[in-house]
Protein backbone atom coordinates (compact mmCIF):
# COMPACT_ATOMS: atom_id res chain seq x y z
CA UNK A 1 0.00 0.00 0.00
CA UNK A 2 2.76 2.46 0.88
CA UNK A 3 4.41 1.82 -2.48
CA UNK A 4 1.53 3.53 -4.28
CA UNK A 5 1.56 6.81 -2.34
CA UNK A 6 4.12 8.69 -4.42
CA UNK A 7 5.44 12.19 -3.84
CA UNK A 8 2.12 14.09 -4.16
CA UNK A 9 0.44 11.75 -1.69
CA UNK A 10 3.33 12.08 0.75
CA UNK A 11 3.16 15.87 0.55
CA UNK A 12 -0.59 15.73 1.17
CA UNK A 13 -0.11 13.53 4.26
CA UNK A 14 2.55 15.91 5.63
CA UNK A 15 0.34 18.96 5.07
CA UNK A 16 -2.59 17.28 6.82
CA UNK A 17 -0.34 16.28 9.74
CA UNK A 18 0.92 19.87 9.96
CA UNK A 19 -2.65 21.20 10.04
CA UNK A 20 -3.83 18.68 12.64
CA UNK A 21 -0.87 18.68 15.03
CA UNK A 22 0.72 22.06 14.37
CA UNK A 23 4.40 22.84 13.84
CA UNK A 24 5.32 22.62 17.52
CA UNK A 25 4.15 19.00 17.94
CA UNK A 26 5.59 17.51 14.73
CA UNK A 27 9.20 17.10 15.99
CA UNK A 28 7.91 15.43 19.15
CA UNK A 29 5.71 13.06 17.15
CA UNK A 30 8.58 12.29 14.77
CA UNK A 31 10.90 11.52 17.67
CA UNK A 32 8.33 9.20 19.26
CA UNK A 33 7.76 7.44 15.94
CA UNK A 34 11.51 6.98 15.44
CA UNK A 35 11.93 5.55 18.93
CA UNK A 36 9.04 3.16 18.40
CA UNK A 37 10.44 2.03 15.05
CA UNK A 38 13.89 1.50 16.61
CA UNK A 39 12.42 -0.67 19.39
CA UNK A 40 10.38 -2.67 16.87
CA UNK A 41 13.44 -3.38 14.72
CA UNK A 42 15.45 -4.39 17.80
CA UNK A 43 12.74 -6.81 18.93
CA UNK A 44 12.47 -8.27 15.44
CA UNK A 45 16.23 -8.85 15.27
CA UNK A 46 16.17 -10.54 18.67
CA UNK A 47 13.31 -12.84 17.64
CA UNK A 48 15.09 -13.84 14.42
CA UNK A 49 18.33 -14.41 16.32
CA UNK A 50 16.56 -16.58 18.90
CA UNK A 51 14.92 -18.64 16.15
CA UNK A 52 18.28 -19.17 14.42
CA UNK A 53 19.91 -20.27 17.67
CA UNK A 54 17.01 -22.64 18.36
CA UNK A 55 17.21 -24.21 14.89
CA UNK A 56 21.00 -24.61 15.20
CA UNK A 57 20.53 -26.28 18.59
CA UNK A 58 17.88 -28.62 17.15
CA UNK A 59 20.21 -29.60 14.28
CA UNK A 60 23.00 -30.50 16.70
CA UNK A 61 20.73 -32.78 18.74
């Protein structure tokens, strides 16, 4: 779905966000989104790593 947005759609979303939240809240929202994304990626990497370790352990036994 996000592949079909394009530049005009992205600009429209940013303008709407600016109207709704105002210029003072946007950096705070961006920071919170970045932190959330960072935590999500970290958790995903840990899950994949745990699965790989488990499969390696199962192959040894």
